[in-house]
Amino acid sequence: MGRAAQPARAARPRDAASVILLRETGTAVEVLMGRRRKRARFLPDIYVFPGGRVDTVDRCVPGDRFRLSGETELTLRRDTPNTSPLALALAAIRETHEETGYLLGRTTSGDVFDSLPSTPFWNACREVGMVPDVAALDYIMRALTPTLSPRRFNTRFFLADGTGCRGDLLVDGELEDLHWLPLDDAFHLPIIDVTELALTTARQRWQGRTLGPCPATIPFVHYVRDTQRIDHV
C-alpha cells in the first residue's frame, strides 16, 4: 500500500490592517468600500475596506514620533503582543492612502520628517506637511484567515472618521467601484461574512462613540477545522 498523503502545511498568516472609514452626511452614515479586481488572488470581485499587509517600512518608523490612543494601544498589545501596534496603525493608514487617495493625517511642522523613510507614501506626507494620525484609529476587530487558505492574513480592523481625511478619491486605483454608500446598503453588496461582522461592529462602535471608553473586548474571528468561531478577547 502507498503511503498516506500528508496534509498540506498551513500558510503562515501575514500581519495586515484595514480601515473602516465612516462619515455622517445629514442624517445618514456612509462607509467607503471598493471591489477587488476579478483577477485578484485573494477575494476577487468582493467588496472590501481599504487595507493590506504590514511591510518592512511600517515596522521601522521611530515609535517616539507617534502615539496611538491609550485604549487602542492597550487593546492591541493585549491582543497581539508579538506585533508592534504602531506598525499595524501605520500600515492601515498607508494602505488606505495607496488604495483610496485619502490621507488620514494631522498637520505637522519642523524636522519631524528627518528621521522618517523616503518612500512614495512618506513623500506624499511631506508634500502636504502631514503625518499619519494614528490617534484617530479605533481598534475594533481581528480576523484570521482559515488554515487551508493559500494566502492567510492576521487582519486588525480599525474604525476612523472619514471626514478627517485629506485628498481626492481615486477613480482608477487598486479597488474598482470605490465609493461612499449608506452604511445599511453595504450589507447588500457581495461581501464575505467577516466583512459583514466588521460592518456590524463598526456601526455599533460609531453609535456609541459618546458613551465612554471602548469595550473591554473585541471580536476575534478565526477557524477551527474550517468552522468559524467568534471569540471576544
C-alpha atoms as a PDB file:
ATOM      1  CA  MET A   1       0.000   0.000   0.000  1.00  0.00           C
ATOM      2  CA  GLY A   2       1.157   3.527  -0.746  1.00  0.00           C
ATOM      3  CA  ARG A   3       1.983   5.980   1.945  1.00  0.00           C
ATOM      4  CA  ALA A   4      -0.876   8.121   3.209  1.00  0.00           C
ATOM      5  CA  ALA A   5      -0.964  11.604   1.783  1.00  0.00           C
ATOM      6  CA  GLN A   6       0.478  14.164   4.137  1.00  0.00           C
ATOM      7  CA  PRO A   7      -1.688  17.174   4.933  1.00  0.00           C
ATOM      8  CA  ALA A   8      -0.569  20.386   3.301  1.00  0.00           C
ATOM      9  CA  ARG A   9       1.332  22.697   5.602  1.00  0.00           C
ATOM     10  CA  ALA A  10      -0.732  25.737   6.538  1.00  0.00           C
ATOM     11  CA  ALA A  11       0.495  29.046   5.181  1.00  0.00           C
ATOM     12  CA  ARG A  12       1.861  31.404   7.804  1.00  0.00           C
ATOM     13  CA  PRO A  13      -0.524  34.324   8.360  1.00  0.00           C
ATOM     14  CA  ARG A  14       0.800  37.741   7.427  1.00  0.00           C
ATOM     15  CA  ASP A  15       0.111  40.741   9.608  1.00  0.00           C
ATOM     16  CA  ALA A  16      -2.391  43.052   7.926  1.00  0.00           C
ATOM     17  CA  ALA A  17      -4.543  46.053   8.757  1.00  0.00           C
ATOM     18  CA  SER A  18      -7.737  47.529   7.348  1.00  0.00           C
ATOM     19  CA  VAL A  19      -9.593  50.786   7.946  1.00  0.00           C
ATOM     20  CA  ILE A  20     -13.358  51.211   8.004  1.00  0.00           C
ATOM     21  CA  LEU A  21     -13.957  54.853   7.134  1.00  0.00           C
ATOM     22  CA  LEU A  22     -17.347  56.212   8.167  1.00  0.00           C
ATOM     23  CA  ARG A  23     -18.767  59.704   7.823  1.00  0.00           C
ATOM     24  CA  GLU A  24     -22.030  61.431   8.589  1.00  0.00           C
ATOM     25  CA  THR A  25     -23.897  63.186   5.788  1.00  0.00           C
ATOM     26  CA  GLY A  26     -27.056  64.782   7.101  1.00  0.00           C
ATOM     27  CA  THR A  27     -28.995  62.029   8.836  1.00  0.00           C
ATOM     28  CA  ALA A  28     -27.137  59.164   7.137  1.00  0.00           C
ATOM     29  CA  VAL A  29     -23.884  57.375   7.937  1.00  0.00           C
ATOM     30  CA  GLU A  30     -21.773  56.390   4.939  1.00  0.00           C
ATOM     31  CA  VAL A  31     -18.961  53.875   4.544  1.00  0.00           C
ATOM     32  CA  LEU A  32     -16.171  53.780   1.963  1.00  0.00           C
ATOM     33  CA  MET A  33     -15.797  50.447   0.134  1.00  0.00           C
ATOM     34  CA  GLY A  34     -14.452  49.156  -3.167  1.00  0.00           C
ATOM     35  CA  ARG A  35     -14.444  45.924  -5.172  1.00  0.00           C
ATOM     36  CA  ARG A  36     -11.346  43.807  -5.580  1.00  0.00           C
ATOM     37  CA  ARG A  37     -10.479  43.136  -9.199  1.00  0.00           C
ATOM     38  CA  LYS A  38     -11.619  39.968 -10.924  1.00  0.00           C
ATOM     39  CA  ARG A  39      -8.032  38.735 -11.307  1.00  0.00           C
ATOM     40  CA  ALA A  40      -7.081  39.351  -7.678  1.00  0.00           C
ATOM     41  CA  ARG A  41      -5.569  36.281  -6.000  1.00  0.00           C
ATOM     42  CA  PHE A  42      -7.420  36.988  -2.770  1.00  0.00           C
ATOM     43  CA  LEU A  43     -11.207  37.632  -2.665  1.00  0.00           C
ATOM     44  CA  PRO A  44     -11.729  38.518  -6.358  1.00  0.00           C
ATOM     45  CA  ASP A  45     -14.891  40.516  -7.187  1.00  0.00           C
ATOM     46  CA  ILE A  46     -15.634  41.021  -3.481  1.00  0.00           C
ATOM     47  CA  TYR A  47     -16.238  44.393  -1.824  1.00  0.00           C
ATOM     48  CA  VAL A  48     -13.791  45.260   0.935  1.00  0.00           C
ATOM     49  CA  PHE A  49     -12.463  48.114   3.024  1.00  0.00           C
ATOM     50  CA  PRO A  50      -9.081  49.600   2.120  1.00  0.00           C
ATOM     51  CA  GLY A  51      -6.198  47.732   3.699  1.00  0.00           C
ATOM     52  CA  GLY A  52      -3.318  45.349   3.224  1.00  0.00           C
ATOM     53  CA  ARG A  53      -0.333  43.696   4.813  1.00  0.00           C
ATOM     54  CA  VAL A  54       2.224  45.308   7.088  1.00  0.00           C
ATOM     55  CA  ASP A  55       5.500  45.935   5.266  1.00  0.00           C
ATOM     56  CA  THR A  56       9.062  46.387   6.452  1.00  0.00           C
ATOM     57  CA  VAL A  57       8.951  50.187   6.398  1.00  0.00           C
ATOM     58  CA  ASP A  58       5.897  50.209   8.676  1.00  0.00           C
ATOM     59  CA  ARG A  59       7.957  48.363  11.282  1.00  0.00           C
ATOM     60  CA  CYS A  60      10.947  50.737  11.083  1.00  0.00           C
ATOM     61  CA  VAL A  61       9.334  54.082  11.900  1.00  0.00           C
ATOM     62  CA  PRO A  62      10.614  55.546  15.214  1.00  0.00           C
ATOM     63  CA  GLY A  63       7.969  54.941  17.850  1.00  0.00           C
ATOM     64  CA  ASP A  64       8.639  58.158  19.759  1.00  0.00           C
ATOM     65  CA  ARG A  65       7.115  60.272  16.970  1.00  0.00           C
ATOM     66  CA  PHE A  66       3.614  58.779  17.064  1.00  0.00           C
ATOM     67  CA  ARG A  67       1.127  57.876  19.762  1.00  0.00           C
ATOM     68  CA  LEU A  68      -1.988  55.765  19.382  1.00  0.00           C
ATOM     69  CA  SER A  69      -4.941  56.402  21.646  1.00  0.00           C
ATOM     70  CA  GLY A  70      -4.354  54.781  25.021  1.00  0.00           C
ATOM     71  CA  GLU A  71      -7.263  52.363  24.684  1.00  0.00           C
ATOM     72  CA  THR A  72      -6.307  51.278  21.157  1.00  0.00           C
ATOM     73  CA  GLU A  73      -2.670  50.660  22.067  1.00  0.00           C
ATOM     74  CA  LEU A  74      -3.612  48.775  25.228  1.00  0.00           C
ATOM     75  CA  THR A  75      -6.040  46.511  23.358  1.00  0.00           C
ATOM     76  CA  LEU A  76      -3.581  45.844  20.536  1.00  0.00           C
ATOM     77  CA  ARG A  77      -0.767  44.965  22.930  1.00  0.00           C
ATOM     78  CA  ARG A  78      -3.026  42.581  24.818  1.00  0.00           C
ATOM     79  CA  ASP A  79      -4.491  41.015  21.674  1.00  0.00           C
ATOM     80  CA  THR A  80      -1.361  40.779  19.501  1.00  0.00           C
ATOM     81  CA  PRO A  81       1.663  41.018  21.827  1.00  0.00           C
ATOM     82  CA  ASN A  82       4.189  39.930  19.185  1.00  0.00           C
ATOM     83  CA  THR A  83       3.348  42.686  16.698  1.00  0.00           C
ATOM     84  CA  SER A  84       4.012  46.411  17.047  1.00  0.00           C
ATOM     85  CA  PRO A  85       0.762  48.379  17.482  1.00  0.00           C
ATOM     86  CA  LEU A  86       2.367  51.326  15.684  1.00  0.00           C
ATOM     87  CA  ALA A  87       3.329  49.188  12.665  1.00  0.00           C
ATOM     88  CA  LEU A  88      -0.270  47.990  12.367  1.00  0.00           C
ATOM     89  CA  ALA A  89      -1.648  51.514  12.610  1.00  0.00           C
ATOM     90  CA  LEU A  90       0.820  52.909  10.071  1.00  0.00           C
ATOM     91  CA  ALA A  91       0.082  50.054   7.656  1.00  0.00           C
ATOM     92  CA  ALA A  92      -3.635  50.782   7.957  1.00  0.00           C
ATOM     93  CA  ILE A  93      -3.190  54.464   7.090  1.00  0.00           C
ATOM     94  CA  ARG A  94      -0.599  53.818   4.366  1.00  0.00           C
ATOM     95  CA  GLU A  95      -2.709  51.183   2.630  1.00  0.00           C
ATOM     96  CA  THR A  96      -5.758  53.447   2.825  1.00  0.00           C
ATOM     97  CA  HIS A  97      -3.793  56.210   1.126  1.00  0.00           C
ATOM     98  CA  GLU A  98      -2.434  53.908  -1.571  1.00  0.00           C
ATOM     99  CA  GLU A  99      -5.834  52.378  -2.359  1.00  0.00           C
ATOM    100  CA  THR A 100      -8.120  55.411  -1.992  1.00  0.00           C
ATOM    101  CA  GLY A 101      -6.017  58.570  -2.301  1.00  0.00           C
ATOM    102  CA  TYR A 102      -7.126  59.673   1.168  1.00  0.00           C
ATOM    103  CA  LEU A 103      -4.635  60.573   3.881  1.00  0.00           C
ATOM    104  CA  LEU A 104      -5.794  60.273   7.464  1.00  0.00           C
ATOM    105  CA  GLY A 105      -3.296  62.681   8.916  1.00  0.00           C
ATOM    106  CA  ARG A 106      -2.533  65.655  11.104  1.00  0.00           C
ATOM    107  CA  THR A 107      -0.613  68.791  10.227  1.00  0.00           C
ATOM    108  CA  THR A 108       2.973  68.985  11.422  1.00  0.00           C
ATOM    109  CA  SER A 109       5.994  71.204  11.024  1.00  0.00           C
ATOM    110  CA  GLY A 110       9.668  71.335  11.849  1.00  0.00           C
ATOM    111  CA  ASP A 111      12.113  68.462  11.454  1.00  0.00           C
ATOM    112  CA  VAL A 112       9.635  65.659  12.131  1.00  0.00           C
ATOM    113  CA  PHE A 113      10.291  64.140   8.687  1.00  0.00           C
ATOM    114  CA  ASP A 114      14.073  63.998   9.113  1.00  0.00           C
ATOM    115  CA  SER A 115      14.003  60.529  10.689  1.00  0.00           C
ATOM    116  CA  LEU A 116      11.161  59.171   8.553  1.00  0.00           C
ATOM    117  CA  PRO A 117      11.573  56.968   5.453  1.00  0.00           C
ATOM    118  CA  SER A 118      11.768  58.184   1.862  1.00  0.00           C
ATOM    119  CA  THR A 119       9.013  56.172   0.161  1.00  0.00           C
ATOM    120  CA  PRO A 120       6.090  57.203  -2.082  1.00  0.00           C
ATOM    121  CA  PHE A 121       3.746  57.268   0.917  1.00  0.00           C
ATOM    122  CA  TRP A 122       6.030  59.245   3.231  1.00  0.00           C
ATOM    123  CA  ASN A 123       6.994  61.606   0.433  1.00  0.00           C
ATOM    124  CA  ALA A 124       3.287  62.262  -0.170  1.00  0.00           C
ATOM    125  CA  CYS A 125       3.026  63.130   3.523  1.00  0.00           C
ATOM    126  CA  ARG A 126       5.955  65.523   3.189  1.00  0.00           C
ATOM    127  CA  GLU A 127       4.332  67.282   0.236  1.00  0.00           C
ATOM    128  CA  VAL A 128       1.242  68.210   2.247  1.00  0.00           C
ATOM    129  CA  GLY A 129       3.017  68.684   5.593  1.00  0.00           C
ATOM    130  CA  MET A 130       1.053  65.965   7.361  1.00  0.00           C
ATOM    131  CA  VAL A 131       1.887  62.770   9.212  1.00  0.00           C
ATOM    132  CA  PRO A 132      -0.376  59.762   9.831  1.00  0.00           C
ATOM    133  CA  ASP A 133      -2.873  60.455  12.594  1.00  0.00           C
ATOM    134  CA  VAL A 134      -2.628  57.109  14.356  1.00  0.00           C
ATOM    135  CA  ALA A 135      -4.509  58.527  17.354  1.00  0.00           C
ATOM    136  CA  ALA A 136      -7.618  58.760  15.144  1.00  0.00           C
ATOM    137  CA  LEU A 137      -7.788  54.967  14.776  1.00  0.00           C
ATOM    138  CA  ASP A 138     -10.111  52.894  16.935  1.00  0.00           C
ATOM    139  CA  TYR A 139      -9.242  49.165  17.018  1.00  0.00           C
ATOM    140  CA  ILE A 140     -12.491  47.198  16.749  1.00  0.00           C
ATOM    141  CA  MET A 141     -11.910  43.647  15.409  1.00  0.00           C
ATOM    142  CA  ARG A 142      -9.410  40.957  14.385  1.00  0.00           C
ATOM    143  CA  ALA A 143      -9.818  38.186  11.817  1.00  0.00           C
ATOM    144  CA  LEU A 144      -7.545  35.243  10.970  1.00  0.00           C
ATOM    145  CA  THR A 145      -7.919  33.600   7.557  1.00  0.00           C
ATOM    146  CA  PRO A 146      -8.810  29.857   7.585  1.00  0.00           C
ATOM    147  CA  THR A 147      -5.916  27.404   7.884  1.00  0.00           C
ATOM    148  CA  LEU A 148      -6.395  25.845   4.442  1.00  0.00           C
ATOM    149  CA  SER A 149      -6.418  29.152   2.559  1.00  0.00           C
ATOM    150  CA  PRO A 150      -3.420  29.527   0.212  1.00  0.00           C
ATOM    151  CA  ARG A 151      -2.945  33.109   1.407  1.00  0.00           C
ATOM    152  CA  ARG A 152      -3.548  33.886   5.058  1.00  0.00           C
ATOM    153  CA  PHE A 153      -3.796  37.193   6.882  1.00  0.00           C
ATOM    154  CA  ASN A 154      -3.991  38.157  10.528  1.00  0.00           C
ATOM    155  CA  THR A 155      -6.003  41.337   9.973  1.00  0.00           C
ATOM    156  CA  ARG A 156      -6.769  44.045  12.505  1.00  0.00           C
ATOM    157  CA  PHE A 157      -9.726  46.257  11.656  1.00  0.00           C
ATOM    158  CA  PHE A 158      -9.693  49.911  12.640  1.00  0.00           C
ATOM    159  CA  LEU A 159     -12.507  52.464  12.600  1.00  0.00           C
ATOM    160  CA  ALA A 160     -11.911  56.120  11.689  1.00  0.00           C
ATOM    161  CA  ASP A 161     -13.922  59.216  10.841  1.00  0.00           C
ATOM    162  CA  GLY A 162     -13.638  59.759   7.089  1.00  0.00           C
ATOM    163  CA  THR A 163     -14.374  63.463   7.355  1.00  0.00           C
ATOM    164  CA  GLY A 164     -10.858  63.878   8.720  1.00  0.00           C
ATOM    165  CA  CYS A 165      -9.211  62.593   5.543  1.00  0.00           C
ATOM    166  CA  ARG A 166      -7.381  64.803   3.072  1.00  0.00           C
ATOM    167  CA  GLY A 167      -7.006  64.157  -0.668  1.00  0.00           C
ATOM    168  CA  ASP A 168      -9.057  63.179  -3.699  1.00  0.00           C
ATOM    169  CA  LEU A 169     -10.720  59.806  -4.069  1.00  0.00           C
ATOM    170  CA  LEU A 170      -9.002  57.568  -6.637  1.00  0.00           C
ATOM    171  CA  VAL A 171     -11.124  56.628  -9.639  1.00  0.00           C
ATOM    172  CA  ASP A 172      -8.777  54.063 -11.200  1.00  0.00           C
ATOM    173  CA  GLY A 173      -6.833  52.504  -8.373  1.00  0.00           C
ATOM    174  CA  GLU A 174      -6.377  49.015  -6.984  1.00  0.00           C
ATOM    175  CA  LEU A 175     -10.040  48.842  -5.960  1.00  0.00           C
ATOM    176  CA  GLU A 176     -12.823  49.152  -8.517  1.00  0.00           C
ATOM    177  CA  ASP A 177     -16.128  50.947  -7.908  1.00  0.00           C
ATOM    178  CA  LEU A 178     -14.613  52.704  -4.915  1.00  0.00           C
ATOM    179  CA  HIS A 179     -17.298  54.936  -3.435  1.00  0.00           C
ATOM    180  CA  TRP A 180     -19.150  56.117  -0.370  1.00  0.00           C
ATOM    181  CA  LEU A 181     -22.509  54.482   0.229  1.00  0.00           C
ATOM    182  CA  PRO A 182     -25.071  54.364   3.037  1.00  0.00           C
ATOM    183  CA  LEU A 183     -23.858  52.005   5.733  1.00  0.00           C
ATOM    184  CA  ASP A 184     -27.050  49.931   5.656  1.00  0.00           C
ATOM    185  CA  ASP A 185     -26.711  49.453   1.877  1.00  0.00           C
ATOM    186  CA  ALA A 186     -23.218  47.981   2.298  1.00  0.00           C
ATOM    187  CA  PHE A 187     -24.713  44.808   3.788  1.00  0.00           C
ATOM    188  CA  HIS A 188     -26.306  44.066   0.391  1.00  0.00           C
ATOM    189  CA  LEU A 189     -23.035  44.162  -1.562  1.00  0.00           C
ATOM    190  CA  PRO A 190     -21.099  40.981  -2.439  1.00  0.00           C
ATOM    191  CA  ILE A 191     -19.160  40.716   0.838  1.00  0.00           C
ATOM    192  CA  ILE A 192     -17.816  37.889   2.976  1.00  0.00           C
ATOM    193  CA  ASP A 193     -19.027  37.060   6.479  1.00  0.00           C
ATOM    194  CA  VAL A 194     -16.007  38.697   8.126  1.00  0.00           C
ATOM    195  CA  THR A 195     -16.783  41.972   6.364  1.00  0.00           C
ATOM    196  CA  GLU A 196     -20.401  41.755   7.470  1.00  0.00           C
ATOM    197  CA  LEU A 197     -19.325  41.349  11.095  1.00  0.00           C
ATOM    198  CA  ALA A 198     -16.868  44.241  10.733  1.00  0.00           C
ATOM    199  CA  LEU A 199     -19.663  46.466   9.386  1.00  0.00           C
ATOM    200  CA  THR A 200     -21.914  45.498  12.287  1.00  0.00           C
ATOM    201  CA  THR A 201     -19.150  46.130  14.818  1.00  0.00           C
ATOM    202  CA  ALA A 202     -18.263  49.476  13.231  1.00  0.00           C
ATOM    203  CA  ARG A 203     -21.886  50.611  13.310  1.00  0.00           C
ATOM    204  CA  GLN A 204     -22.225  49.695  16.978  1.00  0.00           C
ATOM    205  CA  ARG A 205     -18.986  51.466  17.878  1.00  0.00           C
ATOM    206  CA  TRP A 206     -19.934  54.535  15.821  1.00  0.00           C
ATOM    207  CA  GLN A 207     -23.292  54.793  17.540  1.00  0.00           C
ATOM    208  CA  GLY A 208     -21.627  54.506  20.944  1.00  0.00           C
ATOM    209  CA  ARG A 209     -18.791  56.975  20.370  1.00  0.00           C
ATOM    210  CA  THR A 210     -20.079  59.398  23.015  1.00  0.00           C
ATOM    211  CA  LEU A 211     -20.882  56.714  25.574  1.00  0.00           C
ATOM    212  CA  GLY A 212     -17.434  56.329  27.071  1.00  0.00           C
ATOM    213  CA  PRO A 213     -14.285  54.183  26.574  1.00  0.00           C
ATOM    214  CA  CYS A 214     -14.043  51.326  24.093  1.00  0.00           C
ATOM    215  CA  PRO A 215     -15.430  47.928  25.101  1.00  0.00           C
ATOM    216  CA  ALA A 216     -13.121  45.746  27.163  1.00  0.00           C
ATOM    217  CA  THR A 217     -13.110  43.036  24.480  1.00  0.00           C
ATOM    218  CA  ILE A 218     -13.254  42.904  20.680  1.00  0.00           C
ATOM    219  CA  PRO A 219     -14.469  40.186  18.268  1.00  0.00           C
ATOM    220  CA  PHE A 220     -11.812  37.759  17.059  1.00  0.00           C
ATOM    221  CA  VAL A 221     -12.878  35.736  14.016  1.00  0.00           C
ATOM    222  CA  HIS A 222     -10.931  32.531  13.428  1.00  0.00           C
ATOM    223  CA  TYR A 223     -11.489  28.964  12.300  1.00  0.00           C
ATOM    224  CA  VAL A 224     -11.239  25.584  13.969  1.00  0.00           C
ATOM    225  CA  ARG A 225     -11.257  22.728  11.457  1.00  0.00           C
ATOM    226  CA  ASP A 226     -12.796  25.111   8.918  1.00  0.00           C
ATOM    227  CA  THR A 227     -15.619  26.007  11.298  1.00  0.00           C
ATOM    228  CA  GLN A 228     -15.842  29.701  12.055  1.00  0.00           C
ATOM    229  CA  ARG A 229     -15.554  30.825  15.653  1.00  0.00           C
ATOM    230  CA  ILE A 230     -16.084  34.307  17.027  1.00  0.00           C
ATOM    231  CA  ASP A 231     -14.446  34.858  20.385  1.00  0.00           C
ATOM    232  CA  HIS A 232     -14.206  38.094  22.324  1.00  0.00           C
ATOM    233  CA  VAL A 233     -10.707  38.805  23.513  1.00  0.00           C
END
